[in-house]
Structures are given as C-alpha cells and as structure tokens.
Protein backbone atom coordinates (compact mmCIF):
# COMPACT_ATOMS: atom_id res chain seq x y z
CA MET A 1 110.02 134.76 155.64
CA PRO A 2 113.58 133.34 154.44
CA SER A 3 116.19 134.72 156.52
CA HIS A 4 119.23 135.98 154.61
CA ALA A 5 122.94 136.89 155.38
CA CYS A 6 125.20 139.85 153.90
CA ARG A 7 127.12 138.83 151.15
CA GLN A 8 130.05 140.48 152.63
CA CYS A 9 130.21 139.37 155.95
CA GLY A 10 127.67 136.87 156.67
CA ALA A 11 125.79 138.76 159.30
CA PRO A 12 121.94 138.26 159.31
CA LEU A 13 120.22 140.49 157.33
CA GLU A 14 117.14 142.82 158.74
CA LEU A 15 114.24 142.85 155.74
CA GLY A 16 111.93 145.19 157.35
CA THR A 17 109.70 146.56 154.90
CA ASN A 18 111.65 146.96 151.62
CA PRO A 19 113.29 143.45 151.46
CA GLY A 20 114.38 144.09 148.00
CA VAL A 21 117.83 145.96 148.70
CA VAL A 22 119.11 145.82 152.25
CA VAL A 23 122.06 147.35 153.53
CA CYS A 24 123.83 145.45 155.98
CA ARG A 25 124.24 147.38 159.30
CA TYR A 26 127.45 145.77 160.39
CA CYS A 27 129.62 146.29 157.10
CA LYS A 28 127.82 148.54 155.21
CA THR A 29 127.64 146.49 151.75
CA THR A 30 124.38 147.05 149.47
CA ASN A 31 122.54 143.12 149.22
CA ASP A 32 120.00 142.30 146.48
CA THR A 33 117.54 140.14 148.54
CA ARG A 34 115.05 139.95 145.86
CA VAL A 35 114.13 136.54 144.59
CA PRO A 36 116.57 135.61 141.86
CA ALA A 37 115.12 135.29 138.06
CA GLN A 38 115.51 131.71 137.07
CA GLY A 39 118.56 130.45 135.90
CA PHE A 40 120.51 133.22 138.06
CA ALA A 41 122.89 132.32 141.03
CA PRO A 42 123.60 134.56 143.42
CA PRO A 43 127.35 135.63 143.40
CA GLN A 44 129.43 132.82 145.59
CA PRO A 45 132.10 134.17 147.86
CA PRO A 46 135.49 133.89 146.17
CA GLN A 47 137.41 130.59 147.18
CA PRO A 48 140.87 130.64 148.94
CA PHE A 49 143.75 130.89 147.23
CA ALA A 50 145.70 127.85 146.17
CA PRO A 51 148.82 127.55 144.01
CA PRO A 52 148.38 125.08 141.06
CA SER A 53 150.41 122.08 141.63
CA PRO A 54 153.55 121.28 139.46
CA PRO A 55 153.54 119.41 136.45
CA PRO A 56 154.35 115.71 136.81
CA THR A 57 157.82 115.14 136.00
CA TRP A 58 158.58 112.50 133.28
CA SER A 59 161.81 110.59 134.24
CA ALA A 60 161.93 107.75 131.72
CA PRO A 61 164.03 109.57 128.93
CA GLN A 62 166.65 109.87 131.80
CA GLN A 63 166.39 106.12 132.35
CA GLN A 64 166.50 105.14 129.14
CA GLN A 65 169.63 107.63 128.32
CA SER A 66 171.35 105.80 131.39
CA ALA A 67 170.97 102.59 130.18
CA ARG A 68 172.09 103.72 126.82
CA LYS A 69 175.00 105.14 128.44
CA GLY A 70 175.89 101.75 130.26
CA GLY A 71 175.31 99.49 127.56
CA TRP A 72 178.87 98.76 126.63
CA LEU A 73 179.51 97.69 129.69
CA VAL A 74 176.55 95.07 129.80
CA TRP A 75 178.12 93.48 126.18
CA LEU A 76 181.83 93.49 128.03
CA PHE A 77 180.92 92.10 131.00
CA TRP A 78 178.84 89.27 128.91
CA PHE A 79 181.62 88.72 126.53
CA ALA A 80 184.03 88.24 129.71
CA ILE A 81 181.60 85.84 131.16
CA LEU A 82 180.51 83.77 127.62
CA GLY A 83 182.16 84.97 124.95
CA VAL A 84 186.10 84.27 125.87
CA PRO A 85 185.41 80.69 126.95
CA LEU A 86 183.27 80.36 123.77
CA LEU A 87 185.85 81.57 121.53
CA GLY A 88 188.68 79.67 123.35
CA ALA A 89 186.66 76.18 122.67
CA LEU A 90 185.73 77.21 119.28
CA LEU A 91 189.94 78.11 119.06
CA GLY A 92 190.38 74.58 121.02
CA VAL A 93 188.07 72.42 118.33
CA LEU A 94 189.72 74.44 115.19
CA GLY A 95 193.18 73.59 116.22
CA SER A 96 192.19 70.08 117.31
CA VAL A 97 190.88 69.57 113.68
CA ILE A 98 193.90 71.65 111.92
CA GLY A 99 196.25 69.31 113.90
CA THR A 100 194.42 66.11 112.66
CA ILE A 101 194.76 67.05 109.27
CA VAL A 102 198.40 68.19 109.20
CA ALA A 103 198.93 64.54 111.17
CA ILE A 104 196.60 62.97 108.43
CA ALA A 105 198.83 64.65 105.40
CA VAL A 106 201.94 63.75 106.96
CA ALA A 107 200.87 59.78 107.21
CA VAL A 108 200.08 60.28 103.67
CA MET A 109 202.59 61.56 102.28
CA ALA A 110 205.12 59.12 104.22
CA HIS A 111 203.28 56.30 102.03
C-alpha cells in the first residue's frame, strides 16, 4: 500500500478502509488520496515568495553623453599639442616664401 502525506501539513495519512478521501488527524485538512486520472497532477505546495529582481540598468547612453560633453576639451587639447606647432611651422614657411619673393622682386627692380 503506498504511503500518503497530508497536502497541508505533510503528516502521514492513515488510509484505513476508505482510501479515497482522508481527513488529516493533525490539521483536519481533507485529502484526496485516490489515484489521479491520467494527465492530472496533484496540487503542489506554494513556493516561498521571492521579490522579483530589479531590471538591469543600462549606462551606455550616460557614458556617451559624458563623452560628448568632454569632446571639445579633447579637441582643444590636441589642437594645443599638435595644431599650434603645425600652424607656427606653416606660418614660418609662408613667411620665408613671402620674404624670398620680396627679395627677388627687389633685386629685379634694382637692375
């Protein structure tokens, strides 16, 4: 004979002569101990409550926004490091070219 337990308190049930419906002698819960029909599953005890986990946070838009905020500082830094010396070199070359043209023009006019 299979052993059965109360669906409420888990105490062993005494099937006796009428194994269909048995009342638990401890908690007085009515238990159906008949063989369930095919496809029927006896009720399961409730699972303990667990609060849902919070949704994941996505921080990439904030990082992109902060990168856009500091973008002009990056450009200013690179202009100071590379742009100013290159601009000075370019102006120096232009100045010497202009000076050479002026010197040639003066020499041609002097003859």
